N, C-alpha and C. Protein backbone atom coordinates (compact mmCIF):
# COMPACT_ATOMS: atom_id res chain seq x y z
N MET A 1 19.30 -50.36 27.78
CA MET A 1 18.45 -50.06 28.92
C MET A 1 18.97 -48.80 29.61
N GLU A 2 18.07 -47.87 29.82
CA GLU A 2 18.39 -46.65 30.57
C GLU A 2 17.81 -46.81 31.97
N ILE A 3 18.68 -46.70 32.98
CA ILE A 3 18.28 -46.78 34.38
C ILE A 3 18.73 -45.48 35.03
N GLU A 4 17.78 -44.65 35.45
CA GLU A 4 18.18 -43.35 36.00
C GLU A 4 17.25 -42.89 37.10
N ARG A 5 17.82 -42.08 37.99
CA ARG A 5 17.06 -41.38 39.03
C ARG A 5 17.11 -39.90 38.67
N LYS A 6 16.05 -39.18 39.02
CA LYS A 6 15.93 -37.77 38.66
C LYS A 6 15.51 -36.98 39.90
N TYR A 7 16.13 -35.80 40.08
CA TYR A 7 15.89 -34.97 41.26
C TYR A 7 15.73 -33.50 40.86
N LEU A 8 14.88 -32.81 41.61
CA LEU A 8 14.81 -31.35 41.49
C LEU A 8 16.01 -30.75 42.21
N ILE A 9 16.53 -29.67 41.67
CA ILE A 9 17.61 -28.94 42.33
C ILE A 9 17.08 -27.53 42.61
N HIS A 10 17.13 -27.12 43.87
CA HIS A 10 16.67 -25.79 44.24
C HIS A 10 17.83 -24.80 44.36
N GLU A 11 18.99 -25.29 44.77
CA GLU A 11 20.16 -24.42 44.92
C GLU A 11 21.42 -25.26 44.78
N LEU A 12 22.34 -24.77 43.96
CA LEU A 12 23.60 -25.48 43.76
C LEU A 12 24.68 -24.90 44.67
N PRO A 13 25.44 -25.77 45.34
CA PRO A 13 26.48 -25.27 46.25
C PRO A 13 27.83 -25.01 45.56
N PHE A 14 27.87 -25.01 44.23
CA PHE A 14 29.12 -24.81 43.50
C PHE A 14 28.82 -24.15 42.16
N ASP A 15 29.87 -23.69 41.50
CA ASP A 15 29.76 -22.99 40.22
C ASP A 15 29.78 -24.00 39.08
N LEU A 16 28.71 -24.07 38.33
CA LEU A 16 28.61 -25.02 37.22
C LEU A 16 29.62 -24.75 36.11
N SER A 17 30.07 -23.52 35.98
CA SER A 17 30.97 -23.18 34.87
C SER A 17 32.31 -23.90 34.96
N GLU A 18 32.58 -24.54 36.07
CA GLU A 18 33.83 -25.30 36.24
C GLU A 18 33.75 -26.68 35.59
N TYR A 19 32.59 -27.06 35.09
CA TYR A 19 32.38 -28.41 34.59
C TYR A 19 32.06 -28.41 33.09
N PRO A 20 32.38 -29.51 32.40
CA PRO A 20 32.05 -29.59 30.97
C PRO A 20 30.53 -29.59 30.77
N CYS A 21 30.11 -29.03 29.63
CA CYS A 21 28.68 -28.95 29.38
C CYS A 21 28.37 -29.14 27.90
N HIS A 22 27.07 -29.34 27.64
CA HIS A 22 26.55 -29.46 26.28
C HIS A 22 25.31 -28.61 26.16
N GLU A 23 25.14 -27.98 25.00
CA GLU A 23 23.91 -27.25 24.70
C GLU A 23 22.98 -28.21 23.99
N ILE A 24 21.77 -28.34 24.52
CA ILE A 24 20.81 -29.32 24.00
C ILE A 24 19.51 -28.63 23.62
N GLU A 25 19.01 -29.01 22.46
CA GLU A 25 17.66 -28.64 22.03
C GLU A 25 16.98 -29.95 21.66
N GLN A 26 15.75 -30.14 22.13
CA GLN A 26 15.05 -31.37 21.78
C GLN A 26 13.56 -31.11 21.64
N ALA A 27 12.95 -31.96 20.85
CA ALA A 27 11.51 -31.85 20.61
C ALA A 27 10.97 -33.26 20.43
N TYR A 28 9.65 -33.37 20.52
CA TYR A 28 9.01 -34.68 20.53
C TYR A 28 8.07 -34.84 19.35
N LEU A 29 8.28 -35.92 18.60
CA LEU A 29 7.40 -36.27 17.50
C LEU A 29 6.21 -37.06 18.03
N ASN A 30 6.40 -37.70 19.17
CA ASN A 30 5.36 -38.51 19.80
C ASN A 30 5.74 -38.67 21.27
N THR A 31 4.74 -38.74 22.15
CA THR A 31 5.05 -38.91 23.57
C THR A 31 4.61 -40.27 24.12
N ASP A 32 3.90 -41.07 23.33
CA ASP A 32 3.49 -42.40 23.80
C ASP A 32 3.39 -43.33 22.61
N PRO A 33 4.47 -44.03 22.26
CA PRO A 33 5.77 -44.05 22.92
C PRO A 33 6.54 -42.76 22.63
N VAL A 34 7.60 -42.56 23.41
CA VAL A 34 8.41 -41.36 23.24
C VAL A 34 9.30 -41.51 22.01
N ILE A 35 9.14 -40.56 21.10
CA ILE A 35 10.03 -40.45 19.94
C ILE A 35 10.51 -39.01 19.92
N ARG A 36 11.80 -38.86 20.18
CA ARG A 36 12.39 -37.55 20.38
C ARG A 36 13.47 -37.28 19.34
N ILE A 37 13.62 -36.01 19.00
CA ILE A 37 14.78 -35.59 18.22
C ILE A 37 15.59 -34.66 19.11
N ARG A 38 16.90 -34.72 18.96
CA ARG A 38 17.78 -33.91 19.82
C ARG A 38 18.98 -33.40 19.03
N ARG A 39 19.29 -32.13 19.29
CA ARG A 39 20.57 -31.57 18.87
C ARG A 39 21.37 -31.40 20.15
N GLN A 40 22.54 -32.02 20.19
CA GLN A 40 23.46 -31.84 21.31
C GLN A 40 24.75 -31.29 20.72
N ASP A 41 24.97 -29.99 20.97
CA ASP A 41 26.07 -29.26 20.34
C ASP A 41 25.90 -29.37 18.82
N SER A 42 26.79 -30.05 18.13
CA SER A 42 26.66 -30.15 16.67
C SER A 42 26.31 -31.58 16.22
N GLU A 43 25.79 -32.39 17.14
CA GLU A 43 25.37 -33.74 16.81
C GLU A 43 23.84 -33.84 16.90
N TYR A 44 23.26 -34.73 16.09
CA TYR A 44 21.81 -34.84 15.99
C TYR A 44 21.39 -36.30 16.13
N TYR A 45 20.25 -36.52 16.84
CA TYR A 45 19.79 -37.88 17.11
C TYR A 45 18.27 -37.98 17.05
N LEU A 46 17.80 -39.16 16.72
CA LEU A 46 16.42 -39.56 16.87
C LEU A 46 16.44 -40.65 17.94
N THR A 47 15.57 -40.51 18.95
CA THR A 47 15.57 -41.45 20.08
C THR A 47 14.17 -42.02 20.29
N TYR A 48 14.13 -43.32 20.53
CA TYR A 48 12.90 -44.01 20.93
C TYR A 48 13.09 -44.44 22.38
N LYS A 49 12.08 -44.17 23.24
CA LYS A 49 12.10 -44.62 24.63
C LYS A 49 10.82 -45.38 24.92
N SER A 50 10.96 -46.54 25.55
CA SER A 50 9.79 -47.32 25.93
C SER A 50 9.17 -46.72 27.19
N LYS A 51 8.05 -47.28 27.61
CA LYS A 51 7.41 -46.84 28.86
C LYS A 51 8.31 -47.22 30.03
N GLY A 52 8.18 -46.46 31.12
CA GLY A 52 8.92 -46.76 32.33
C GLY A 52 9.33 -45.48 33.03
N LEU A 53 9.64 -45.60 34.31
CA LEU A 53 10.05 -44.43 35.09
C LEU A 53 11.49 -44.59 35.56
N LEU A 54 11.81 -45.65 36.27
CA LEU A 54 13.18 -45.88 36.74
C LEU A 54 14.03 -46.51 35.64
N ALA A 55 13.45 -47.45 34.90
CA ALA A 55 14.20 -48.16 33.86
C ALA A 55 13.33 -48.28 32.62
N ARG A 56 13.97 -48.08 31.45
CA ARG A 56 13.25 -48.25 30.19
C ARG A 56 14.24 -48.42 29.05
N GLU A 57 13.74 -49.03 28.00
CA GLU A 57 14.57 -49.21 26.81
C GLU A 57 14.77 -47.86 26.12
N GLU A 58 15.95 -47.67 25.56
CA GLU A 58 16.25 -46.43 24.83
C GLU A 58 17.14 -46.78 23.64
N TYR A 59 16.76 -46.26 22.48
CA TYR A 59 17.53 -46.49 21.26
C TYR A 59 17.79 -45.14 20.60
N ASN A 60 19.05 -44.88 20.26
CA ASN A 60 19.45 -43.63 19.60
C ASN A 60 19.93 -43.93 18.20
N LEU A 61 19.44 -43.14 17.26
CA LEU A 61 19.89 -43.24 15.87
C LEU A 61 20.44 -41.88 15.44
N PRO A 62 21.57 -41.86 14.76
CA PRO A 62 22.12 -40.58 14.32
C PRO A 62 21.27 -39.95 13.22
N LEU A 63 21.20 -38.62 13.25
CA LEU A 63 20.56 -37.83 12.20
C LEU A 63 21.57 -36.83 11.67
N ASN A 64 21.32 -36.28 10.49
CA ASN A 64 22.12 -35.14 10.04
C ASN A 64 21.33 -33.86 10.32
N LYS A 65 21.97 -32.74 10.14
CA LYS A 65 21.36 -31.45 10.45
C LYS A 65 20.08 -31.22 9.64
N LYS A 66 20.11 -31.54 8.37
CA LYS A 66 18.95 -31.33 7.50
C LYS A 66 17.76 -32.17 7.97
N ALA A 67 17.99 -33.43 8.28
CA ALA A 67 16.90 -34.30 8.75
C ALA A 67 16.36 -33.81 10.08
N TYR A 68 17.25 -33.37 10.96
CA TYR A 68 16.82 -32.85 12.26
C TYR A 68 15.86 -31.67 12.08
N HIS A 69 16.25 -30.72 11.26
CA HIS A 69 15.41 -29.52 11.07
C HIS A 69 14.10 -29.86 10.36
N HIS A 70 14.13 -30.81 9.46
CA HIS A 70 12.89 -31.27 8.81
C HIS A 70 11.94 -31.85 9.86
N LEU A 71 12.45 -32.71 10.73
CA LEU A 71 11.62 -33.33 11.77
C LEU A 71 11.20 -32.31 12.83
N LEU A 72 12.06 -31.35 13.11
CA LEU A 72 11.73 -30.32 14.10
C LEU A 72 10.46 -29.57 13.70
N SER A 73 10.29 -29.34 12.42
CA SER A 73 9.09 -28.63 11.94
C SER A 73 7.82 -29.46 12.13
N LYS A 74 7.97 -30.75 12.39
CA LYS A 74 6.82 -31.65 12.56
C LYS A 74 6.57 -32.00 14.03
N ALA A 75 7.39 -31.48 14.93
CA ALA A 75 7.29 -31.83 16.34
C ALA A 75 6.03 -31.25 16.98
N ASP A 76 5.53 -31.96 17.99
CA ASP A 76 4.38 -31.50 18.77
C ASP A 76 4.88 -30.75 20.01
N GLY A 77 4.10 -29.80 20.47
CA GLY A 77 4.41 -29.14 21.74
C GLY A 77 5.57 -28.18 21.64
N ASN A 78 6.19 -27.96 22.79
CA ASN A 78 7.28 -27.00 22.93
C ASN A 78 8.65 -27.67 22.76
N PRO A 79 9.50 -27.16 21.88
CA PRO A 79 10.89 -27.62 21.91
C PRO A 79 11.50 -27.20 23.26
N LEU A 80 12.36 -28.02 23.79
CA LEU A 80 13.04 -27.72 25.05
C LEU A 80 14.48 -27.37 24.76
N SER A 81 15.00 -26.40 25.50
CA SER A 81 16.43 -26.10 25.40
C SER A 81 17.01 -26.06 26.80
N LYS A 82 18.22 -26.57 26.91
CA LYS A 82 18.86 -26.66 28.22
C LYS A 82 20.37 -26.78 28.05
N THR A 83 21.06 -26.44 29.11
CA THR A 83 22.50 -26.68 29.18
C THR A 83 22.67 -27.85 30.14
N ARG A 84 23.40 -28.86 29.70
CA ARG A 84 23.64 -30.05 30.53
C ARG A 84 25.10 -30.03 30.99
N TYR A 85 25.26 -30.03 32.31
CA TYR A 85 26.59 -30.06 32.93
C TYR A 85 26.85 -31.48 33.44
N ASN A 86 28.06 -31.95 33.23
CA ASN A 86 28.46 -33.29 33.67
C ASN A 86 29.38 -33.18 34.87
N ILE A 87 28.89 -33.68 36.02
CA ILE A 87 29.61 -33.57 37.28
C ILE A 87 30.01 -34.98 37.72
N PRO A 88 31.31 -35.29 37.81
CA PRO A 88 31.70 -36.63 38.27
C PRO A 88 31.22 -36.86 39.70
N LEU A 89 30.68 -38.07 39.94
CA LEU A 89 30.19 -38.41 41.27
C LEU A 89 31.03 -39.51 41.90
N SER A 90 31.42 -40.48 41.10
CA SER A 90 32.26 -41.58 41.58
C SER A 90 33.06 -42.09 40.38
N ASP A 91 33.72 -43.22 40.56
CA ASP A 91 34.52 -43.76 39.46
C ASP A 91 33.66 -44.21 38.27
N HIS A 92 32.35 -44.42 38.48
CA HIS A 92 31.51 -44.87 37.37
C HIS A 92 30.17 -44.14 37.28
N LEU A 93 29.95 -43.13 38.10
CA LEU A 93 28.70 -42.39 38.04
C LEU A 93 28.95 -40.91 37.77
N THR A 94 28.05 -40.32 36.99
CA THR A 94 28.12 -38.90 36.65
C THR A 94 26.76 -38.28 36.92
N ILE A 95 26.75 -37.10 37.50
CA ILE A 95 25.52 -36.34 37.65
C ILE A 95 25.38 -35.47 36.41
N GLU A 96 24.23 -35.55 35.77
CA GLU A 96 23.92 -34.66 34.65
C GLU A 96 22.95 -33.62 35.18
N ILE A 97 23.40 -32.38 35.25
CA ILE A 97 22.55 -31.29 35.73
C ILE A 97 22.05 -30.52 34.52
N ASP A 98 20.73 -30.49 34.35
CA ASP A 98 20.09 -29.79 33.25
C ASP A 98 19.53 -28.47 33.74
N VAL A 99 20.04 -27.37 33.17
CA VAL A 99 19.54 -26.03 33.46
C VAL A 99 18.72 -25.61 32.25
N PHE A 100 17.42 -25.52 32.44
CA PHE A 100 16.51 -25.25 31.34
C PHE A 100 16.48 -23.76 30.99
N HIS A 101 16.19 -23.48 29.71
CA HIS A 101 16.09 -22.12 29.19
C HIS A 101 14.68 -21.90 28.64
N GLY A 102 14.41 -20.67 28.25
CA GLY A 102 13.13 -20.37 27.60
C GLY A 102 11.97 -20.54 28.53
N LYS A 103 10.92 -21.19 28.05
CA LYS A 103 9.67 -21.36 28.80
C LYS A 103 9.88 -21.98 30.18
N PHE A 104 10.90 -22.82 30.33
CA PHE A 104 11.14 -23.51 31.60
C PHE A 104 12.36 -22.97 32.34
N SER A 105 12.72 -21.74 32.01
CA SER A 105 13.85 -21.10 32.70
C SER A 105 13.63 -21.13 34.21
N GLY A 106 14.65 -21.48 34.94
CA GLY A 106 14.54 -21.61 36.40
C GLY A 106 14.44 -23.05 36.85
N LEU A 107 14.03 -23.95 35.95
CA LEU A 107 13.94 -25.37 36.29
C LEU A 107 15.34 -25.98 36.18
N ILE A 108 15.75 -26.68 37.24
CA ILE A 108 17.03 -27.39 37.25
C ILE A 108 16.76 -28.81 37.72
N LEU A 109 17.15 -29.76 36.91
CA LEU A 109 16.99 -31.18 37.24
C LEU A 109 18.35 -31.86 37.21
N ALA A 110 18.53 -32.83 38.11
CA ALA A 110 19.74 -33.66 38.12
C ALA A 110 19.33 -35.09 37.82
N GLU A 111 20.10 -35.73 36.96
CA GLU A 111 19.86 -37.14 36.63
C GLU A 111 21.15 -37.90 36.86
N VAL A 112 21.00 -39.12 37.37
CA VAL A 112 22.14 -40.02 37.51
C VAL A 112 21.74 -41.33 36.87
N GLU A 113 22.56 -41.81 35.92
CA GLU A 113 22.30 -43.09 35.27
C GLU A 113 23.13 -44.17 35.96
N PHE A 114 22.53 -45.37 36.06
CA PHE A 114 23.14 -46.46 36.79
C PHE A 114 23.28 -47.70 35.92
N PRO A 115 24.26 -48.54 36.25
CA PRO A 115 24.42 -49.78 35.48
C PRO A 115 23.40 -50.85 35.85
N THR A 116 22.83 -50.78 37.07
CA THR A 116 21.86 -51.79 37.50
C THR A 116 20.71 -51.13 38.25
N ILE A 117 19.56 -51.79 38.25
CA ILE A 117 18.40 -51.30 39.00
C ILE A 117 18.71 -51.31 40.50
N GLU A 118 19.40 -52.34 40.96
CA GLU A 118 19.75 -52.43 42.38
C GLU A 118 20.58 -51.23 42.83
N GLU A 119 21.56 -50.84 42.02
CA GLU A 119 22.38 -49.68 42.39
C GLU A 119 21.54 -48.41 42.39
N ALA A 120 20.62 -48.29 41.46
CA ALA A 120 19.73 -47.11 41.43
C ALA A 120 18.85 -47.07 42.67
N GLN A 121 18.33 -48.20 43.08
CA GLN A 121 17.44 -48.25 44.24
C GLN A 121 18.18 -47.96 45.54
N ASN A 122 19.48 -48.27 45.60
CA ASN A 122 20.27 -48.07 46.82
C ASN A 122 21.02 -46.74 46.84
N PHE A 123 20.81 -45.90 45.84
CA PHE A 123 21.54 -44.64 45.70
C PHE A 123 21.19 -43.66 46.82
N CYS A 124 22.22 -43.08 47.41
CA CYS A 124 22.06 -42.00 48.40
C CYS A 124 22.51 -40.71 47.73
N PRO A 125 21.58 -39.81 47.43
CA PRO A 125 21.93 -38.60 46.67
C PRO A 125 22.73 -37.60 47.53
N PRO A 126 23.49 -36.73 46.87
CA PRO A 126 24.18 -35.66 47.59
C PRO A 126 23.17 -34.76 48.31
N ASP A 127 23.62 -34.08 49.34
CA ASP A 127 22.74 -33.24 50.17
C ASP A 127 22.02 -32.14 49.39
N TYR A 128 22.63 -31.63 48.32
CA TYR A 128 22.01 -30.52 47.60
C TYR A 128 20.90 -30.96 46.66
N PHE A 129 20.72 -32.26 46.46
CA PHE A 129 19.61 -32.74 45.64
C PHE A 129 18.31 -32.47 46.39
N GLY A 130 17.30 -32.02 45.66
CA GLY A 130 15.98 -31.80 46.25
C GLY A 130 15.14 -33.05 46.14
N GLU A 131 13.86 -32.85 45.87
CA GLU A 131 12.91 -33.96 45.81
C GLU A 131 13.28 -34.96 44.72
N ASP A 132 13.09 -36.23 45.04
CA ASP A 132 13.26 -37.30 44.07
C ASP A 132 12.01 -37.32 43.20
N VAL A 133 12.16 -37.01 41.92
CA VAL A 133 11.01 -36.97 41.00
C VAL A 133 11.09 -38.10 39.96
N THR A 134 11.89 -39.12 40.27
CA THR A 134 12.05 -40.26 39.37
C THR A 134 10.70 -40.85 38.96
N PHE A 135 9.79 -40.96 39.92
CA PHE A 135 8.53 -41.64 39.65
C PHE A 135 7.39 -40.67 39.35
N SER A 136 7.74 -39.42 39.07
CA SER A 136 6.75 -38.42 38.69
C SER A 136 6.87 -38.12 37.20
N PRO A 137 5.91 -38.57 36.41
CA PRO A 137 5.98 -38.28 34.97
C PRO A 137 5.94 -36.79 34.66
N ASP A 138 5.53 -35.95 35.63
CA ASP A 138 5.48 -34.50 35.41
C ASP A 138 6.84 -33.93 35.04
N TYR A 139 7.91 -34.59 35.43
CA TYR A 139 9.25 -34.08 35.17
C TYR A 139 9.97 -34.78 34.02
N HIS A 140 9.26 -35.64 33.31
CA HIS A 140 9.83 -36.19 32.08
C HIS A 140 9.87 -35.06 31.05
N ASN A 141 10.93 -34.99 30.29
CA ASN A 141 11.03 -33.96 29.27
C ASN A 141 9.87 -34.05 28.28
N SER A 142 9.43 -35.27 27.98
CA SER A 142 8.32 -35.43 27.04
C SER A 142 7.04 -34.79 27.60
N THR A 143 6.84 -34.87 28.92
CA THR A 143 5.68 -34.23 29.55
C THR A 143 5.84 -32.72 29.53
N LEU A 144 7.03 -32.24 29.87
CA LEU A 144 7.28 -30.79 29.87
C LEU A 144 7.02 -30.22 28.48
N SER A 145 7.36 -30.95 27.45
CA SER A 145 7.18 -30.43 26.09
C SER A 145 5.72 -30.18 25.76
N GLN A 146 4.81 -30.82 26.49
CA GLN A 146 3.37 -30.69 26.20
C GLN A 146 2.70 -29.60 27.05
N LYS A 147 3.44 -28.99 27.98
CA LYS A 147 2.85 -27.96 28.86
C LYS A 147 2.89 -26.59 28.22
């Protein structure tokens, strides 16, 4: 189960280069249900996500490079590329800040994953977080891929 909140970021009060990051490329074979392929650095995955906004089922299966590129040629819409920075928030929470490239350059989203729905609902975001877009499908990566 993936339980996460998502926020727009308009301005960051710190330098992201101080934090660990991953280069991500992903594309969608289907958006309902979501079937995604992703390259994260040198690792490859096929992911299934059920319907939902705050909480949904998520299953990841490993792929090899050849399978990833084969499936990439079959993807619908726009492949997305982004740099994901991991910012520690507490002893068990991490902020994932996605800085998009290419067609969506300038878009910055922050996601925080939670162990429980209750903790997600009671979350008080840092001051630099912008609008809460958790319940807006417009900011799902699968939706962005179709724009």
